[in-house]
Amino acid sequence: MAFIQLCLTIPIAMLVFLTSTLPILCFYVLYSAYKHRKKAVKLDTCVGCVPAIVTQITLDDRTWNDGWIVKAAWIDEQTRQSYTFSSQPQEILPVKHVGDKVLVLINSYNPVCYTMEL
């Protein structure tokens, strides 16, 4: 009975606002947790994670789906071999700048297989 009286004292506009924004807020929180967990699992299961330095950010106009390409370089301390990584085309300008560090998940047995975390 007290709950019904409480609901009757809340203005209709407030009830509409709460019932419309609450599902959106719940979705956002769950989606953020999912993305964070997905990234954590990817980091846990990767064979090698290296911090590469962003060397170039260019607009790729060679393909039909133009996008921003981030290039980063990393030097293996053990073999002194240099590697250059290129990202997949990004639709929006990345937040990384030249000189920033970016995490690259590589397969230690085959460094040609990699994923860049932007």
N, C-alpha and C. Protein backbone atom coordinates (compact mmCIF):
# COMPACT_ATOMS: atom_id res chain seq x y z
N MET A 1 0.81 -1.18 0.00
CA MET A 1 0.00 0.00 0.00
C MET A 1 0.87 1.26 0.00
N ALA A 2 1.96 1.23 0.77
CA ALA A 2 2.84 2.40 0.84
C ALA A 2 3.52 2.63 -0.51
N PHE A 3 3.83 1.55 -1.23
CA PHE A 3 4.47 1.68 -2.54
C PHE A 3 3.53 2.37 -3.54
N ILE A 4 2.27 2.01 -3.50
CA ILE A 4 1.28 2.61 -4.40
C ILE A 4 1.13 4.10 -4.09
N GLN A 5 1.10 4.46 -2.81
CA GLN A 5 0.99 5.87 -2.44
C GLN A 5 2.23 6.65 -2.89
N LEU A 6 3.40 5.99 -2.79
CA LEU A 6 4.63 6.64 -3.23
C LEU A 6 4.58 6.88 -4.73
N CYS A 7 4.12 5.90 -5.49
CA CYS A 7 4.02 6.04 -6.94
C CYS A 7 3.04 7.13 -7.34
N LEU A 8 1.99 7.29 -6.58
CA LEU A 8 1.00 8.31 -6.90
C LEU A 8 1.52 9.72 -6.63
N THR A 9 2.50 9.85 -5.74
CA THR A 9 3.04 11.18 -5.44
C THR A 9 4.11 11.61 -6.44
N ILE A 10 4.65 10.68 -7.22
CA ILE A 10 5.68 11.01 -8.22
C ILE A 10 4.98 11.57 -9.46
N PRO A 11 5.44 12.69 -9.99
CA PRO A 11 4.81 13.26 -11.19
C PRO A 11 4.93 12.31 -12.39
N ILE A 12 3.96 12.38 -13.27
CA ILE A 12 3.91 11.53 -14.45
C ILE A 12 5.15 11.72 -15.32
N ALA A 13 5.58 12.96 -15.50
CA ALA A 13 6.77 13.23 -16.33
C ALA A 13 8.00 12.54 -15.77
N MET A 14 8.13 12.50 -14.46
CA MET A 14 9.27 11.83 -13.83
C MET A 14 9.19 10.32 -14.06
N LEU A 15 8.00 9.75 -13.95
CA LEU A 15 7.83 8.32 -14.19
C LEU A 15 8.17 7.95 -15.63
N VAL A 16 7.73 8.77 -16.57
CA VAL A 16 8.03 8.52 -17.99
C VAL A 16 9.53 8.63 -18.22
N PHE A 17 10.16 9.63 -17.63
CA PHE A 17 11.61 9.80 -17.78
C PHE A 17 12.37 8.60 -17.22
N LEU A 18 12.02 8.17 -16.02
CA LEU A 18 12.71 7.04 -15.40
C LEU A 18 12.50 5.74 -16.18
N THR A 19 11.28 5.50 -16.63
CA THR A 19 11.02 4.25 -17.35
C THR A 19 11.64 4.24 -18.74
N SER A 20 11.90 5.41 -19.30
CA SER A 20 12.53 5.44 -20.63
C SER A 20 14.05 5.44 -20.56
N THR A 21 14.63 6.01 -19.53
CA THR A 21 16.09 6.07 -19.44
C THR A 21 16.70 4.88 -18.71
N LEU A 22 15.96 4.25 -17.85
CA LEU A 22 16.50 3.13 -17.09
C LEU A 22 16.95 1.97 -17.98
N PRO A 23 16.17 1.55 -18.99
CA PRO A 23 16.66 0.48 -19.87
C PRO A 23 17.90 0.88 -20.65
N ILE A 24 17.98 2.14 -21.07
CA ILE A 24 19.16 2.60 -21.80
C ILE A 24 20.38 2.58 -20.90
N LEU A 25 20.22 3.02 -19.68
CA LEU A 25 21.32 3.02 -18.72
C LEU A 25 21.78 1.59 -18.42
N CYS A 26 20.83 0.69 -18.22
CA CYS A 26 21.18 -0.72 -17.96
C CYS A 26 21.92 -1.31 -19.15
N PHE A 27 21.45 -1.03 -20.37
CA PHE A 27 22.11 -1.54 -21.57
C PHE A 27 23.54 -1.02 -21.65
N TYR A 28 23.74 0.28 -21.39
CA TYR A 28 25.07 0.87 -21.47
C TYR A 28 26.02 0.23 -20.45
N VAL A 29 25.55 0.03 -19.24
CA VAL A 29 26.40 -0.56 -18.20
C VAL A 29 26.77 -2.00 -18.58
N LEU A 30 25.79 -2.77 -19.03
CA LEU A 30 26.07 -4.16 -19.41
C LEU A 30 26.99 -4.23 -20.64
N TYR A 31 26.77 -3.35 -21.61
CA TYR A 31 27.61 -3.34 -22.80
C TYR A 31 29.04 -2.95 -22.45
N SER A 32 29.22 -1.97 -21.58
CA SER A 32 30.56 -1.57 -21.15
C SER A 32 31.27 -2.70 -20.42
N ALA A 33 30.54 -3.40 -19.56
CA ALA A 33 31.14 -4.54 -18.85
C ALA A 33 31.51 -5.64 -19.83
N TYR A 34 30.67 -5.87 -20.83
CA TYR A 34 30.96 -6.89 -21.84
C TYR A 34 32.22 -6.53 -22.63
N LYS A 35 32.33 -5.28 -23.09
CA LYS A 35 33.50 -4.86 -23.85
C LYS A 35 34.77 -4.95 -23.00
N HIS A 36 34.68 -4.55 -21.73
CA HIS A 36 35.84 -4.63 -20.84
C HIS A 36 36.26 -6.08 -20.65
N ARG A 37 35.30 -6.95 -20.44
CA ARG A 37 35.60 -8.38 -20.24
C ARG A 37 36.18 -8.99 -21.50
N LYS A 38 35.64 -8.61 -22.66
CA LYS A 38 36.14 -9.13 -23.92
C LYS A 38 37.61 -8.73 -24.13
N LYS A 39 37.93 -7.48 -23.79
CA LYS A 39 39.30 -7.02 -23.92
C LYS A 39 40.21 -7.73 -22.93
N ALA A 40 39.73 -7.95 -21.71
CA ALA A 40 40.54 -8.65 -20.70
C ALA A 40 40.81 -10.09 -21.11
N VAL A 41 39.82 -10.75 -21.69
CA VAL A 41 40.01 -12.13 -22.15
C VAL A 41 41.01 -12.15 -23.29
N LYS A 42 40.93 -11.18 -24.18
CA LYS A 42 41.85 -11.12 -25.31
C LYS A 42 43.29 -10.94 -24.82
N LEU A 43 43.46 -10.09 -23.80
CA LEU A 43 44.80 -9.88 -23.25
C LEU A 43 45.31 -11.13 -22.53
N ASP A 44 44.41 -11.86 -21.87
CA ASP A 44 44.82 -13.06 -21.15
C ASP A 44 45.19 -14.20 -22.09
N THR A 45 44.55 -14.27 -23.25
CA THR A 45 44.77 -15.38 -24.15
C THR A 45 45.78 -15.08 -25.24
N CYS A 46 46.27 -13.85 -25.35
CA CYS A 46 47.21 -13.55 -26.42
C CYS A 46 48.56 -14.20 -26.12
N VAL A 47 49.27 -14.54 -27.16
CA VAL A 47 50.57 -15.18 -27.01
C VAL A 47 51.62 -14.15 -26.63
N GLY A 48 51.53 -12.98 -27.23
CA GLY A 48 52.47 -11.92 -26.91
C GLY A 48 51.82 -10.56 -27.02
N CYS A 49 52.08 -9.70 -26.06
CA CYS A 49 51.56 -8.34 -26.07
C CYS A 49 52.75 -7.40 -26.04
N VAL A 50 52.84 -6.53 -27.05
CA VAL A 50 53.98 -5.63 -27.12
C VAL A 50 53.51 -4.19 -27.19
N PRO A 51 54.24 -3.28 -26.53
CA PRO A 51 53.90 -1.86 -26.63
C PRO A 51 54.64 -1.24 -27.82
N ALA A 52 53.93 -0.97 -28.89
CA ALA A 52 54.53 -0.36 -30.07
C ALA A 52 54.31 1.16 -30.02
N ILE A 53 55.15 1.88 -30.72
CA ILE A 53 55.07 3.33 -30.78
C ILE A 53 54.43 3.73 -32.11
N VAL A 54 53.40 4.58 -32.04
CA VAL A 54 52.73 5.04 -33.25
C VAL A 54 53.70 5.91 -34.05
N THR A 55 53.90 5.54 -35.32
CA THR A 55 54.82 6.27 -36.17
C THR A 55 54.12 7.09 -37.23
N GLN A 56 52.88 6.68 -37.59
CA GLN A 56 52.20 7.38 -38.68
C GLN A 56 50.70 7.14 -38.59
N ILE A 57 49.93 8.18 -38.90
CA ILE A 57 48.48 8.08 -39.01
C ILE A 57 48.11 8.69 -40.35
N THR A 58 47.59 7.86 -41.26
CA THR A 58 47.29 8.34 -42.60
C THR A 58 45.88 7.94 -43.00
N LEU A 59 45.37 8.65 -43.99
CA LEU A 59 44.07 8.33 -44.55
C LEU A 59 44.29 7.40 -45.73
N ASP A 60 43.73 6.20 -45.67
CA ASP A 60 43.90 5.20 -46.72
C ASP A 60 42.88 5.46 -47.82
N ASP A 61 43.37 5.82 -48.99
CA ASP A 61 42.46 6.07 -50.11
C ASP A 61 42.67 5.07 -51.24
N ARG A 62 43.35 3.96 -50.95
CA ARG A 62 43.61 2.95 -51.97
C ARG A 62 42.44 1.99 -52.14
N THR A 63 41.60 1.88 -51.13
CA THR A 63 40.50 0.93 -51.18
C THR A 63 39.18 1.66 -51.28
N TRP A 64 38.13 0.93 -51.56
CA TRP A 64 36.80 1.53 -51.69
C TRP A 64 36.25 1.98 -50.34
N ASN A 65 36.74 1.41 -49.25
CA ASN A 65 36.28 1.83 -47.91
C ASN A 65 37.39 2.63 -47.24
N ASP A 66 37.46 3.91 -47.61
CA ASP A 66 38.50 4.78 -47.05
C ASP A 66 38.42 4.79 -45.54
N GLY A 67 39.56 4.89 -44.90
CA GLY A 67 39.61 4.94 -43.46
C GLY A 67 40.99 5.33 -42.99
N TRP A 68 41.09 5.61 -41.70
CA TRP A 68 42.36 6.00 -41.10
C TRP A 68 43.17 4.76 -40.77
N ILE A 69 44.44 4.77 -41.15
CA ILE A 69 45.36 3.67 -40.88
C ILE A 69 46.39 4.16 -39.87
N VAL A 70 46.57 3.38 -38.81
CA VAL A 70 47.58 3.70 -37.80
C VAL A 70 48.74 2.72 -37.99
N LYS A 71 49.94 3.27 -38.11
CA LYS A 71 51.14 2.43 -38.23
C LYS A 71 51.97 2.61 -36.97
N ALA A 72 52.46 1.50 -36.46
CA ALA A 72 53.26 1.52 -35.23
C ALA A 72 54.48 0.63 -35.41
N ALA A 73 55.53 0.94 -34.69
CA ALA A 73 56.78 0.18 -34.79
C ALA A 73 57.16 -0.36 -33.41
N TRP A 74 57.81 -1.51 -33.44
CA TRP A 74 58.29 -2.16 -32.22
C TRP A 74 59.60 -2.86 -32.54
N ILE A 75 60.55 -2.80 -31.61
CA ILE A 75 61.83 -3.48 -31.76
C ILE A 75 61.90 -4.58 -30.72
N ASP A 76 62.12 -5.80 -31.18
CA ASP A 76 62.27 -6.95 -30.29
C ASP A 76 63.62 -6.83 -29.59
N GLU A 77 63.61 -6.76 -28.27
CA GLU A 77 64.84 -6.57 -27.50
C GLU A 77 65.77 -7.78 -27.60
N GLN A 78 65.22 -8.97 -27.76
CA GLN A 78 66.05 -10.17 -27.81
C GLN A 78 66.76 -10.32 -29.15
N THR A 79 66.03 -10.13 -30.23
CA THR A 79 66.61 -10.34 -31.56
C THR A 79 67.04 -9.05 -32.23
N ARG A 80 66.68 -7.89 -31.64
CA ARG A 80 66.97 -6.57 -32.20
C ARG A 80 66.34 -6.39 -33.58
N GLN A 81 65.29 -7.13 -33.85
CA GLN A 81 64.59 -7.02 -35.13
C GLN A 81 63.44 -6.02 -34.99
N SER A 82 63.25 -5.20 -36.01
CA SER A 82 62.21 -4.19 -36.00
C SER A 82 60.97 -4.71 -36.73
N TYR A 83 59.79 -4.40 -36.16
CA TYR A 83 58.52 -4.79 -36.76
C TYR A 83 57.67 -3.55 -36.94
N THR A 84 56.94 -3.50 -38.04
CA THR A 84 56.00 -2.42 -38.31
C THR A 84 54.61 -3.03 -38.41
N PHE A 85 53.67 -2.45 -37.68
CA PHE A 85 52.30 -2.94 -37.65
C PHE A 85 51.38 -1.89 -38.26
N SER A 86 50.37 -2.34 -38.99
CA SER A 86 49.36 -1.45 -39.56
C SER A 86 47.99 -1.89 -39.08
N SER A 87 47.16 -0.92 -38.73
CA SER A 87 45.81 -1.25 -38.26
C SER A 87 44.87 -1.45 -39.44
N GLN A 88 43.71 -1.98 -39.13
CA GLN A 88 42.64 -2.03 -40.12
C GLN A 88 42.13 -0.61 -40.31
N PRO A 89 41.53 -0.29 -41.47
CA PRO A 89 41.00 1.06 -41.66
C PRO A 89 39.94 1.41 -40.61
N GLN A 90 40.12 2.56 -39.97
CA GLN A 90 39.20 3.05 -38.95
C GLN A 90 38.30 4.12 -39.56
N GLU A 91 37.01 4.07 -39.26
CA GLU A 91 36.08 5.04 -39.84
C GLU A 91 36.27 6.44 -39.30
N ILE A 92 36.65 6.54 -38.03
CA ILE A 92 36.86 7.86 -37.43
C ILE A 92 38.34 8.03 -37.09
N LEU A 93 38.75 9.27 -36.97
CA LEU A 93 40.14 9.57 -36.64
C LEU A 93 40.48 8.99 -35.28
N PRO A 94 41.53 8.17 -35.18
CA PRO A 94 41.89 7.58 -33.88
C PRO A 94 42.32 8.63 -32.88
N VAL A 95 42.16 8.29 -31.60
CA VAL A 95 42.55 9.22 -30.53
C VAL A 95 44.05 9.18 -30.28
N LYS A 96 44.72 8.19 -30.80
CA LYS A 96 46.17 8.09 -30.65
C LYS A 96 46.86 9.11 -31.55
N HIS A 97 48.04 9.54 -31.11
CA HIS A 97 48.84 10.50 -31.87
C HIS A 97 50.22 9.88 -32.12
N VAL A 98 50.96 10.45 -33.05
CA VAL A 98 52.31 9.98 -33.33
C VAL A 98 53.14 10.12 -32.06
N GLY A 99 53.81 9.03 -31.69
CA GLY A 99 54.62 9.00 -30.47
C GLY A 99 53.94 8.31 -29.31
N ASP A 100 52.63 8.11 -29.39
CA ASP A 100 51.90 7.40 -28.33
C ASP A 100 52.18 5.91 -28.41
N LYS A 101 52.00 5.25 -27.27
CA LYS A 101 52.14 3.80 -27.25
C LYS A 101 50.79 3.16 -27.54
N VAL A 102 50.83 2.06 -28.28
CA VAL A 102 49.64 1.30 -28.59
C VAL A 102 49.96 -0.18 -28.35
N LEU A 103 49.00 -0.90 -27.80
CA LEU A 103 49.21 -2.31 -27.49
C LEU A 103 48.94 -3.15 -28.74
N VAL A 104 49.90 -4.00 -29.08
CA VAL A 104 49.74 -4.89 -30.22
C VAL A 104 49.81 -6.32 -29.70
N LEU A 105 48.77 -7.08 -29.99
CA LEU A 105 48.72 -8.48 -29.59
C LEU A 105 49.26 -9.31 -30.74
N ILE A 106 50.38 -9.98 -30.52
CA ILE A 106 51.01 -10.74 -31.60
C ILE A 106 51.12 -12.20 -31.23
N ASN A 107 51.27 -13.01 -32.25
CA ASN A 107 51.58 -14.42 -32.07
C ASN A 107 53.10 -14.51 -32.08
N SER A 108 53.70 -14.90 -30.99
CA SER A 108 55.15 -14.93 -30.87
C SER A 108 55.81 -15.86 -31.88
N TYR A 109 55.08 -16.86 -32.30
CA TYR A 109 55.63 -17.81 -33.27
C TYR A 109 55.52 -17.30 -34.70
N ASN A 110 54.57 -16.40 -34.94
CA ASN A 110 54.36 -15.83 -36.26
C ASN A 110 53.95 -14.36 -36.09
N PRO A 111 54.93 -13.44 -35.99
CA PRO A 111 54.61 -12.03 -35.72
C PRO A 111 53.80 -11.36 -36.83
N VAL A 112 53.62 -12.02 -37.96
CA VAL A 112 52.80 -11.44 -39.03
C VAL A 112 51.33 -11.45 -38.62
N CYS A 113 50.94 -12.36 -37.72
CA CYS A 113 49.57 -12.42 -37.20
C CYS A 113 49.50 -11.53 -35.96
N TYR A 114 48.76 -10.43 -36.06
CA TYR A 114 48.67 -9.50 -34.94
C TYR A 114 47.34 -8.76 -34.98
N THR A 115 47.04 -8.14 -33.85
CA THR A 115 45.87 -7.27 -33.72
C THR A 115 46.30 -6.03 -32.93
N MET A 116 45.95 -4.87 -33.46
CA MET A 116 46.32 -3.62 -32.79
C MET A 116 45.13 -3.12 -31.99
N GLU A 117 45.37 -2.82 -30.71
CA GLU A 117 44.33 -2.29 -29.82
C GLU A 117 44.36 -0.77 -29.87
N LEU A 118 43.36 -0.18 -30.51
CA LEU A 118 43.31 1.28 -30.60
C LEU A 118 42.30 1.85 -29.63
